[in-house]
PDB file of all heavy atoms in Angstrom:
ATOM      1  N   ALA A   1     160.839 195.567 -58.086  1.00  0.00           N
ATOM      2  CA  ALA A   1     162.079 195.129 -57.447  1.00  0.00           C
ATOM      3  C   ALA A   1     162.510 193.766 -57.971  1.00  0.00           C
ATOM      4  O   ALA A   1     161.688 192.960 -58.434  1.00  0.00           O
ATOM      5  CB  ALA A   1     161.890 195.072 -55.930  1.00  0.00           C
ATOM      6  N   LEU A   2     163.815 193.510 -57.887  1.00  0.00           N
ATOM      7  CA  LEU A   2     164.368 192.264 -58.412  1.00  0.00           C
ATOM      8  C   LEU A   2     165.362 191.664 -57.423  1.00  0.00           C
ATOM      9  O   LEU A   2     166.154 192.374 -56.795  1.00  0.00           O
ATOM     10  CB  LEU A   2     165.074 192.513 -59.753  1.00  0.00           C
ATOM     11  CG  LEU A   2     164.174 192.953 -60.916  1.00  0.00           C
ATOM     12  CD1 LEU A   2     165.027 193.446 -62.075  1.00  0.00           C
ATOM     13  CD2 LEU A   2     163.266 191.820 -61.361  1.00  0.00           C
ATOM     14  N   LEU A   3     165.327 190.348 -57.313  1.00  0.00           N
ATOM     15  CA  LEU A   3     166.260 189.557 -56.523  1.00  0.00           C
ATOM     16  C   LEU A   3     167.023 188.628 -57.467  1.00  0.00           C
ATOM     17  O   LEU A   3     166.702 188.525 -58.649  1.00  0.00           O
ATOM     18  CB  LEU A   3     165.510 188.729 -55.476  1.00  0.00           C
ATOM     19  CG  LEU A   3     164.488 189.447 -54.578  1.00  0.00           C
ATOM     20  CD1 LEU A   3     163.675 188.421 -53.778  1.00  0.00           C
ATOM     21  CD2 LEU A   3     165.186 190.412 -53.646  1.00  0.00           C
ATOM     22  N   GLN A   4     168.032 187.910 -56.918  1.00  0.00           N
ATOM     23  CA  GLN A   4     168.756 186.918 -57.719  1.00  0.00           C
ATOM     24  C   GLN A   4     168.996 185.662 -56.878  1.00  0.00           C
ATOM     25  O   GLN A   4     169.884 185.629 -56.048  1.00  0.00           O
ATOM     26  CB  GLN A   4     170.088 187.474 -58.234  1.00  0.00           C
ATOM     27  CG  GLN A   4     170.793 186.508 -59.181  1.00  0.00           C
ATOM     28  CD  GLN A   4     172.131 187.010 -59.714  1.00  0.00           C
ATOM     29  OE1 GLN A   4     172.780 186.336 -60.528  1.00  0.00           O
ATOM     30  NE2 GLN A   4     172.568 188.170 -59.287  1.00  0.00           N
ATOM     31  N   HIS A   5     168.119 184.665 -57.086  1.00  0.00           N
ATOM     32  CA  HIS A   5     168.245 183.346 -56.462  1.00  0.00           C
ATOM     33  C   HIS A   5     168.364 183.442 -54.938  1.00  0.00           C
ATOM     34  O   HIS A   5     169.362 183.019 -54.346  1.00  0.00           O
ATOM     35  CB  HIS A   5     169.454 182.609 -57.040  1.00  0.00           C
ATOM     36  CG  HIS A   5     169.431 181.119 -56.783  1.00  0.00           C
ATOM     37  ND1 HIS A   5     168.614 180.255 -57.463  1.00  0.00           N
ATOM     38  CD2 HIS A   5     170.150 180.353 -55.919  1.00  0.00           C
ATOM     39  CE1 HIS A   5     168.825 179.023 -57.030  1.00  0.00           C
ATOM     40  NE2 HIS A   5     169.747 179.058 -56.091  1.00  0.00           N
ATOM     41  N   PRO A   6     167.340 183.943 -54.253  1.00  0.00           N
ATOM     42  CA  PRO A   6     167.386 184.013 -52.785  1.00  0.00           C
ATOM     43  C   PRO A   6     167.173 182.638 -52.162  1.00  0.00           C
ATOM     44  O   PRO A   6     166.384 181.837 -52.657  1.00  0.00           O
ATOM     45  CB  PRO A   6     166.230 184.952 -52.456  1.00  0.00           C
ATOM     46  CG  PRO A   6     165.241 184.712 -53.563  1.00  0.00           C
ATOM     47  CD  PRO A   6     166.075 184.455 -54.793  1.00  0.00           C
ATOM     48  N   LEU A   7     167.857 182.394 -51.038  1.00  0.00           N
ATOM     49  CA  LEU A   7     167.757 181.092 -50.376  1.00  0.00           C
ATOM     50  C   LEU A   7     167.193 181.158 -48.965  1.00  0.00           C
ATOM     51  O   LEU A   7     166.822 180.118 -48.419  1.00  0.00           O
ATOM     52  CB  LEU A   7     169.140 180.423 -50.321  1.00  0.00           C
ATOM     53  CG  LEU A   7     169.744 179.971 -51.643  1.00  0.00           C
ATOM     54  CD1 LEU A   7     171.109 179.333 -51.407  1.00  0.00           C
ATOM     55  CD2 LEU A   7     168.835 179.000 -52.379  1.00  0.00           C
ATOM     56  N   GLY A   8     167.138 182.341 -48.359  1.00  0.00           N
ATOM     57  CA  GLY A   8     166.706 182.404 -46.973  1.00  0.00           C
ATOM     58  C   GLY A   8     165.818 183.594 -46.691  1.00  0.00           C
ATOM     59  O   GLY A   8     165.880 184.614 -47.379  1.00  0.00           O
ATOM     60  N   VAL A   9     164.980 183.475 -45.647  1.00  0.00           N
ATOM     61  CA  VAL A   9     164.104 184.560 -45.213  1.00  0.00           C
ATOM     62  C   VAL A   9     164.041 184.559 -43.685  1.00  0.00           C
ATOM     63  O   VAL A   9     164.249 183.529 -43.041  1.00  0.00           O
ATOM     64  CB  VAL A   9     162.670 184.419 -45.774  1.00  0.00           C
ATOM     65  CG1 VAL A   9     162.620 184.785 -47.229  1.00  0.00           C
ATOM     66  CG2 VAL A   9     162.121 183.017 -45.557  1.00  0.00           C
ATOM     67  N   ALA A  10     163.749 185.727 -43.128  1.00  0.00           N
ATOM     68  CA  ALA A  10     163.524 185.869 -41.692  1.00  0.00           C
ATOM     69  C   ALA A  10     162.575 187.033 -41.491  1.00  0.00           C
ATOM     70  O   ALA A  10     162.606 188.013 -42.246  1.00  0.00           O
ATOM     71  CB  ALA A  10     164.835 186.104 -40.944  1.00  0.00           C
ATOM     72  N   VAL A  11     161.733 186.939 -40.469  1.00  0.00           N
ATOM     73  CA  VAL A  11     160.747 187.979 -40.199  1.00  0.00           C
ATOM     74  C   VAL A  11     161.264 188.881 -39.087  1.00  0.00           C
ATOM     75  O   VAL A  11     161.637 188.415 -38.006  1.00  0.00           O
ATOM     76  CB  VAL A  11     159.399 187.358 -39.804  1.00  0.00           C
ATOM     77  CG1 VAL A  11     158.379 188.447 -39.484  1.00  0.00           C
ATOM     78  CG2 VAL A  11     158.876 186.466 -40.930  1.00  0.00           C
ATOM     79  N   LEU A  12     161.276 190.193 -39.345  1.00  0.00           N
ATOM     80  CA  LEU A  12     161.706 191.179 -38.366  1.00  0.00           C
ATOM     81  C   LEU A  12     160.529 191.571 -37.470  1.00  0.00           C
ATOM     82  O   LEU A  12     159.363 191.396 -37.845  1.00  0.00           O
ATOM     83  CB  LEU A  12     162.278 192.401 -39.085  1.00  0.00           C
ATOM     84  CG  LEU A  12     163.566 192.113 -39.876  1.00  0.00           C
ATOM     85  CD1 LEU A  12     163.881 193.245 -40.841  1.00  0.00           C
ATOM     86  CD2 LEU A  12     164.733 191.894 -38.925  1.00  0.00           C
ATOM     87  N   PRO A  13     160.806 192.107 -36.276  1.00  0.00           N
ATOM     88  CA  PRO A  13     159.719 192.405 -35.337  1.00  0.00           C
ATOM     89  C   PRO A  13     158.667 193.370 -35.868  1.00  0.00           C
ATOM     90  O   PRO A  13     157.512 193.321 -35.427  1.00  0.00           O
ATOM     91  CB  PRO A  13     160.465 193.004 -34.137  1.00  0.00           C
ATOM     92  CG  PRO A  13     161.827 192.408 -34.197  1.00  0.00           C
ATOM     93  CD  PRO A  13     162.133 192.300 -35.658  1.00  0.00           C
ATOM     94  N   ASP A  14     159.028 194.257 -36.790  1.00  0.00           N
ATOM     95  CA  ASP A  14     158.043 195.198 -37.316  1.00  0.00           C
ATOM     96  C   ASP A  14     157.177 194.600 -38.418  1.00  0.00           C
ATOM     97  O   ASP A  14     156.354 195.299 -39.016  1.00  0.00           O
ATOM     98  CB  ASP A  14     158.737 196.465 -37.826  1.00  0.00           C
ATOM     99  CG  ASP A  14     159.670 196.203 -39.012  1.00  0.00           C
ATOM    100  OD1 ASP A  14     159.813 195.030 -39.420  1.00  0.00           O
ATOM    101  OD2 ASP A  14     160.261 197.173 -39.525  1.00  0.00           O
ATOM    102  N   GLY A  15     157.349 193.296 -38.695  1.00  0.00           N
ATOM    103  CA  GLY A  15     156.562 192.631 -39.725  1.00  0.00           C
ATOM    104  C   GLY A  15     157.199 192.644 -41.093  1.00  0.00           C
ATOM    105  O   GLY A  15     156.690 191.999 -42.016  1.00  0.00           O
ATOM    106  N   SER A  16     158.302 193.373 -41.265  1.00  0.00           N
ATOM    107  CA  SER A  16     159.004 193.331 -42.547  1.00  0.00           C
ATOM    108  C   SER A  16     159.785 192.027 -42.657  1.00  0.00           C
ATOM    109  O   SER A  16     160.007 191.325 -41.668  1.00  0.00           O
ATOM    110  CB  SER A  16     159.929 194.536 -42.702  1.00  0.00           C
ATOM    111  OG  SER A  16     160.929 194.543 -41.704  1.00  0.00           O
ATOM    112  N   VAL A  17     160.202 191.690 -43.866  1.00  0.00           N
ATOM    113  CA  VAL A  17     160.830 190.400 -44.139  1.00  0.00           C
ATOM    114  C   VAL A  17     162.238 190.622 -44.671  1.00  0.00           C
ATOM    115  O   VAL A  17     162.430 191.320 -45.680  1.00  0.00           O
ATOM    116  CB  VAL A  17     160.003 189.588 -45.161  1.00  0.00           C
ATOM    117  CG1 VAL A  17     160.640 188.225 -45.396  1.00  0.00           C
ATOM    118  CG2 VAL A  17     158.567 189.418 -44.679  1.00  0.00           C
ATOM    119  N   ALA A  18     163.214 190.058 -43.975  1.00  0.00           N
ATOM    120  CA  ALA A  18     164.598 190.094 -44.450  1.00  0.00           C
ATOM    121  C   ALA A  18     164.826 188.901 -45.371  1.00  0.00           C
ATOM    122  O   ALA A  18     164.384 187.787 -45.075  1.00  0.00           O
ATOM    123  CB  ALA A  18     165.565 190.059 -43.273  1.00  0.00           C
ATOM    124  N   VAL A  19     165.513 189.141 -46.469  1.00  0.00           N
ATOM    125  CA  VAL A  19     165.732 188.114 -47.494  1.00  0.00           C
ATOM    126  C   VAL A  19     167.229 187.932 -47.713  1.00  0.00           C
ATOM    127  O   VAL A  19     167.953 188.909 -47.951  1.00  0.00           O
ATOM    128  CB  VAL A  19     165.063 188.511 -48.833  1.00  0.00           C
ATOM    129  CG1 VAL A  19     165.291 187.428 -49.885  1.00  0.00           C
ATOM    130  CG2 VAL A  19     163.579 188.778 -48.637  1.00  0.00           C
ATOM    131  N   ALA A  20     167.698 186.699 -47.608  1.00  0.00           N
ATOM    132  CA  ALA A  20     169.075 186.375 -47.992  1.00  0.00           C
ATOM    133  C   ALA A  20     169.113 186.282 -49.511  1.00  0.00           C
ATOM    134  O   ALA A  20     168.763 185.245 -50.096  1.00  0.00           O
ATOM    135  CB  ALA A  20     169.516 185.069 -47.343  1.00  0.00           C
ATOM    136  N   ASP A  21     169.505 187.379 -50.149  1.00  0.00           N
ATOM    137  CA  ASP A  21     169.519 187.475 -51.610  1.00  0.00           C
ATOM    138  C   ASP A  21     170.849 186.900 -52.095  1.00  0.00           C
ATOM    139  O   ASP A  21     171.804 187.619 -52.375  1.00  0.00           O
ATOM    140  CB  ASP A  21     169.338 188.933 -52.023  1.00  0.00           C
ATOM    141  CG  ASP A  21     169.072 189.104 -53.505  1.00  0.00           C
ATOM    142  OD1 ASP A  21     168.894 188.083 -54.194  1.00  0.00           O
ATOM    143  OD2 ASP A  21     169.047 190.257 -53.973  1.00  0.00           O
ATOM    144  N   THR A  22     170.882 185.597 -52.200  1.00  0.00           N
ATOM    145  CA  THR A  22     172.130 184.835 -52.231  1.00  0.00           C
ATOM    146  C   THR A  22     173.049 185.228 -53.373  1.00  0.00           C
ATOM    147  O   THR A  22     174.232 185.534 -53.165  1.00  0.00           O
ATOM    148  CB  THR A  22     171.798 183.332 -52.291  1.00  0.00           C
ATOM    149  OG1 THR A  22     170.894 183.021 -51.229  1.00  0.00           O
ATOM    150  CG2 THR A  22     173.046 182.496 -52.175  1.00  0.00           C
ATOM    151  N   TYR A  23     172.544 185.233 -54.597  1.00  0.00           N
ATOM    152  CA  TYR A  23     173.425 185.480 -55.734  1.00  0.00           C
ATOM    153  C   TYR A  23     173.727 186.956 -55.945  1.00  0.00           C
ATOM    154  O   TYR A  23     174.637 187.297 -56.714  1.00  0.00           O
ATOM    155  CB  TYR A  23     172.825 184.878 -57.000  1.00  0.00           C
ATOM    156  CG  TYR A  23     173.006 183.370 -57.112  1.00  0.00           C
ATOM    157  CD1 TYR A  23     173.642 182.640 -56.121  1.00  0.00           C
ATOM    158  CD2 TYR A  23     172.532 182.675 -58.225  1.00  0.00           C
ATOM    159  CE1 TYR A  23     173.805 181.273 -56.227  1.00  0.00           C
ATOM    160  CE2 TYR A  23     172.695 181.296 -58.350  1.00  0.00           C
ATOM    161  CZ  TYR A  23     173.323 180.598 -57.344  1.00  0.00           C
ATOM    162  OH  TYR A  23     173.481 179.238 -57.458  1.00  0.00           O
ATOM    163  N   ASN A  24     173.033 187.847 -55.247  1.00  0.00           N
ATOM    164  CA  ASN A  24     173.425 189.255 -55.230  1.00  0.00           C
ATOM    165  C   ASN A  24     174.363 189.559 -54.067  1.00  0.00           C
ATOM    166  O   ASN A  24     174.824 190.700 -53.931  1.00  0.00           O
ATOM    167  CB  ASN A  24     172.200 190.166 -55.139  1.00  0.00           C
ATOM    168  CG  ASN A  24     171.523 190.361 -56.486  1.00  0.00           C
ATOM    169  OD1 ASN A  24     172.183 190.404 -57.530  1.00  0.00           O
ATOM    170  ND2 ASN A  24     170.209 190.466 -56.481  1.00  0.00           N
ATOM    171  N   GLY A  25     174.627 188.576 -53.214  1.00  0.00           N
ATOM    172  CA  GLY A  25     175.520 188.788 -52.083  1.00  0.00           C
ATOM    173  C   GLY A  25     175.008 189.849 -51.133  1.00  0.00           C
ATOM    174  O   GLY A  25     175.790 190.654 -50.607  1.00  0.00           O
ATOM    175  N   ALA A  26     173.696 189.847 -50.884  1.00  0.00           N
ATOM    176  CA  ALA A  26     173.085 190.937 -50.138  1.00  0.00           C
ATOM    177  C   ALA A  26     172.013 190.430 -49.199  1.00  0.00           C
ATOM    178  O   ALA A  26     171.520 189.304 -49.324  1.00  0.00           O
ATOM    179  CB  ALA A  26     172.483 191.955 -51.109  1.00  0.00           C
ATOM    180  N   VAL A  27     171.653 191.282 -48.234  1.00  0.00           N
ATOM    181  CA  VAL A  27     170.462 191.082 -47.417  1.00  0.00           C
ATOM    182  C   VAL A  27     169.494 192.193 -47.783  1.00  0.00           C
ATOM    183  O   VAL A  27     169.830 193.374 -47.703  1.00  0.00           O
ATOM    184  CB  VAL A  27     170.774 191.117 -45.913  1.00  0.00           C
ATOM    185  CG1 VAL A  27     169.481 190.974 -45.104  1.00  0.00           C
ATOM    186  CG2 VAL A  27     171.754 190.015 -45.529  1.00  0.00           C
ATOM    187  N   ARG A  28     168.308 191.817 -48.212  1.00  0.00           N
ATOM    188  CA  ARG A  28     167.287 192.778 -48.631  1.00  0.00           C
ATOM    189  C   ARG A  28     166.155 192.788 -47.603  1.00  0.00           C
ATOM    190  O   ARG A  28     166.019 191.857 -46.806  1.00  0.00           O
ATOM    191  CB  ARG A  28     166.728 192.388 -50.006  1.00  0.00           C
ATOM    192  CG  ARG A  28     167.787 191.979 -51.033  1.00  0.00           C
ATOM    193  CD  ARG A  28     168.545 193.149 -51.610  1.00  0.00           C
ATOM    194  NE  ARG A  28     167.691 193.967 -52.454  1.00  0.00           N
ATOM    195  CZ  ARG A  28     167.341 193.654 -53.720  1.00  0.00           C
ATOM    196  NH1 ARG A  28     167.775 192.512 -54.258  1.00  0.00           N
ATOM    197  NH2 ARG A  28     166.570 194.452 -54.432  1.00  0.00           N
ATOM    198  N   ARG A  29     165.329 193.833 -47.646  1.00  0.00           N
ATOM    199  CA  ARG A  29     164.173 193.896 -46.754  1.00  0.00           C
ATOM    200  C   ARG A  29     162.933 194.284 -47.544  1.00  0.00           C
ATOM    201  O   ARG A  29     162.941 195.278 -48.275  1.00  0.00           O
ATOM    202  CB  ARG A  29     164.385 194.898 -45.621  1.00  0.00           C
ATOM    203  CG  ARG A  29     163.171 194.965 -44.663  1.00  0.00           C
ATOM    204  CD  ARG A  29     163.453 195.769 -43.428  1.00  0.00           C
ATOM    205  NE  ARG A  29     163.700 197.166 -43.712  1.00  0.00           N
ATOM    206  CZ  ARG A  29     164.152 198.047 -42.817  1.00  0.00           C
ATOM    207  NH1 ARG A  29     164.426 197.626 -41.581  1.00  0.00           N
ATOM    208  NH2 ARG A  29     164.356 199.295 -43.152  1.00  0.00           N
ATOM    209  N   TYR A  30     161.890 193.485 -47.370  1.00  0.00           N
ATOM    210  CA  TYR A  30     160.590 193.792 -47.958  1.00  0.00           C
ATOM    211  C   TYR A  30     159.680 194.326 -46.866  1.00  0.00           C
ATOM    212  O   TYR A  30     159.508 193.681 -45.822  1.00  0.00           O
ATOM    213  CB  TYR A  30     159.974 192.543 -48.599  1.00  0.00           C
ATOM    214  CG  TYR A  30     158.519 192.709 -48.963  1.00  0.00           C
ATOM    215  CD1 TYR A  30     158.129 193.594 -49.967  1.00  0.00           C
ATOM    216  CD2 TYR A  30     157.532 191.990 -48.291  1.00  0.00           C
ATOM    217  CE1 TYR A  30     156.787 193.755 -50.295  1.00  0.00           C
ATOM    218  CE2 TYR A  30     156.190 192.141 -48.619  1.00  0.00           C
ATOM    219  CZ  TYR A  30     155.831 193.025 -49.621  1.00  0.00           C
ATOM    220  OH  TYR A  30     154.508 193.191 -49.932  1.00  0.00           O
ATOM    221  N   ASP A  31     159.086 195.493 -47.105  1.00  0.00           N
ATOM    222  CA  ASP A  31     158.168 196.126 -46.157  1.00  0.00           C
ATOM    223  C   ASP A  31     156.751 195.948 -46.677  1.00  0.00           C
ATOM    224  O   ASP A  31     156.353 196.618 -47.634  1.00  0.00           O
ATOM    225  CB  ASP A  31     158.511 197.611 -46.019  1.00  0.00           C
ATOM    226  CG  ASP A  31     157.651 198.317 -44.982  1.00  0.00           C
ATOM    227  OD1 ASP A  31     156.612 197.752 -44.585  1.00  0.00           O
ATOM    228  OD2 ASP A  31     158.012 199.439 -44.574  1.00  0.00           O
ATOM    229  N   PRO A  32     155.962 195.043 -46.081  1.00  0.00           N
ATOM    230  CA  PRO A  32     154.600 194.823 -46.585  1.00  0.00           C
ATOM    231  C   PRO A  32     153.718 196.061 -46.470  1.00  0.00           C
ATOM    232  O   PRO A  32     152.838 196.276 -47.307  1.00  0.00           O
ATOM    233  CB  PRO A  32     154.074 193.683 -45.704  1.00  0.00           C
ATOM    234  CG  PRO A  32     155.281 193.034 -45.122  1.00  0.00           C
ATOM    235  CD  PRO A  32     156.288 194.130 -44.973  1.00  0.00           C
ATOM    236  N   ALA A  33     153.932 196.868 -45.431  1.00  0.00           N
ATOM    237  CA  ALA A  33     153.086 198.046 -45.245  1.00  0.00           C
ATOM    238  C   ALA A  33     153.296 199.064 -46.363  1.00  0.00           C
ATOM    239  O   ALA A  33     152.339 199.694 -46.834  1.00  0.00           O
ATOM    240  CB  ALA A  33     153.376 198.679 -43.881  1.00  0.00           C
ATOM    241  N   MET A  34     154.540 199.231 -46.795  1.00  0.00           N
ATOM    242  CA  MET A  34     154.855 200.204 -47.842  1.00  0.00           C
ATOM    243  C   MET A  34     154.895 199.578 -49.231  1.00  0.00           C
ATOM    244  O   MET A  34     154.910 200.305 -50.230  1.00  0.00           O
ATOM    245  CB  MET A  34     156.208 200.863 -47.540  1.00  0.00           C
ATOM    246  CG  MET A  34     156.261 201.592 -46.205  1.00  0.00           C
ATOM    247  SD  MET A  34     155.080 202.958 -46.136  1.00  0.00           S
ATOM    248  CE  MET A  34     155.784 204.036 -47.383  1.00  0.00           C
ATOM    249  N   GLY A  35     154.939 198.248 -49.284  1.00  0.00           N
ATOM    250  CA  GLY A  35     155.054 197.589 -50.580  1.00  0.00           C
ATOM    251  C   GLY A  35     156.353 197.911 -51.274  1.00  0.00           C
ATOM    252  O   GLY A  35     156.390 198.103 -52.497  1.00  0.00           O
ATOM    253  N   SER A  36     157.442 197.962 -50.504  1.00  0.00           N
ATOM    254  CA  SER A  36     158.719 198.380 -51.066  1.00  0.00           C
ATOM    255  C   SER A  36     159.838 197.463 -50.617  1.00  0.00           C
ATOM    256  O   SER A  36     159.722 196.728 -49.627  1.00  0.00           O
ATOM    257  CB  SER A  36     159.041 199.817 -50.653  1.00  0.00           C
ATOM    258  OG  SER A  36     159.176 199.907 -49.235  1.00  0.00           O
ATOM    259  N   VAL A  37     160.962 197.524 -51.337  1.00  0.00           N
ATOM    260  CA  VAL A  37     162.145 196.710 -51.067  1.00  0.00           C
ATOM    261  C   VAL A  37     163.352 197.625 -50.915  1.00  0.00           C
ATOM    262  O   VAL A  37     163.514 198.587 -51.671  1.00  0.00           O
ATOM    263  CB  VAL A  37     162.391 195.695 -52.206  1.00  0.00           C
ATOM    264  CG1 VAL A  37     163.680 194.910 -51.975  1.00  0.00           C
ATOM    265  CG2 VAL A  37     161.209 194.742 -52.340  1.00  0.00           C
ATOM    266  N   GLY A  38     164.203 197.342 -49.915  1.00  0.00           N
ATOM    267  CA  GLY A  38     165.462 198.046 -49.732  1.00  0.00           C
ATOM    268  C   GLY A  38     166.568 197.063 -49.418  1.00  0.00           C
ATOM    269  O   GLY A  38     166.328 195.861 -49.247  1.00  0.00           O
ATOM    270  N   THR A  39     167.788 197.574 -49.322  1.00  0.00           N
ATOM    271  CA  THR A  39     168.959 196.731 -49.078  1.00  0.00           C
ATOM    272  C   THR A  39     169.542 197.047 -47.712  1.00  0.00           C
ATOM    273  O   THR A  39     169.815 198.204 -47.390  1.00  0.00           O
ATOM    274  CB  THR A  39     170.017 196.954 -50.169  1.00  0.00           C
ATOM    275  OG1 THR A  39     169.473 196.521 -51.426  1.00  0.00           O
ATOM    276  CG2 THR A  39     171.277 196.167 -49.889  1.00  0.00           C
ATOM    277  N   LEU A  40     169.741 196.004 -46.902  1.00  0.00           N
ATOM    278  CA  LEU A  40     170.298 196.150 -45.559  1.00  0.00           C
ATOM    279  C   LEU A  40     171.806 195.939 -45.521  1.00  0.00           C
ATOM    280  O   LEU A  40     172.491 196.516 -44.683  1.00  0.00           O
ATOM    281  CB  LEU A  40     169.633 195.156 -44.605  1.00  0.00           C
ATOM    282  CG  LEU A  40     168.117 195.279 -44.421  1.00  0.00           C
ATOM    283  CD1 LEU A  40     167.610 194.192 -43.473  1.00  0.00           C
ATOM    284  CD2 LEU A  40     167.735 196.660 -43.920  1.00  0.00           C
ATOM    285  N   ALA A  41     172.349 195.088 -46.371  1.00  0.00           N
ATOM    286  CA  ALA A  41     173.781 194.796 -46.369  1.00  0.00           C
ATOM    287  C   ALA A  41     174.179 194.271 -47.744  1.00  0.00           C
ATOM    288  O   ALA A  41     173.373 193.654 -48.446  1.00  0.00           O
ATOM    289  CB  ALA A  41     174.122 193.776 -45.288  1.00  0.00           C
ATOM    290  N   ARG A  42     175.435 194.515 -48.119  1.00  0.00           N
ATOM    291  CA  ARG A  42     175.958 194.068 -49.415  1.00  0.00           C
ATOM    292  C   ARG A  42     177.324 193.427 -49.223  1.00  0.00           C
ATOM    293  O   ARG A  42     177.861 193.380 -48.126  1.00  0.00           O
ATOM    294  CB  ARG A  42     176.064 195.253 -50.391  1.00  0.00           C
ATOM    295  CG  ARG A  42     174.759 195.962 -50.655  1.00  0.00           C
ATOM    296  CD  ARG A  42     174.917 197.117 -51.636  1.00  0.00           C
ATOM    297  NE  ARG A  42     175.293 196.663 -52.967  1.00  0.00           N
ATOM    298  CZ  ARG A  42     175.450 197.475 -54.018  1.00  0.00           C
ATOM    299  NH1 ARG A  42     175.266 198.777 -53.879  1.00  0.00           N
ATOM    300  NH2 ARG A  42     175.780 196.990 -55.195  1.00  0.00           N
TER     301      ARG A  42
END
């Protein structure tokens, strides 16, 4: 997975991590249990 200059992070109740993927204009989510990344908003 790839990001572009992220500036912010927040932890969701299920333990996954939301990422302010600043230069992609998106909010991404990293799931530690699955070892995967998805996109929540663009």
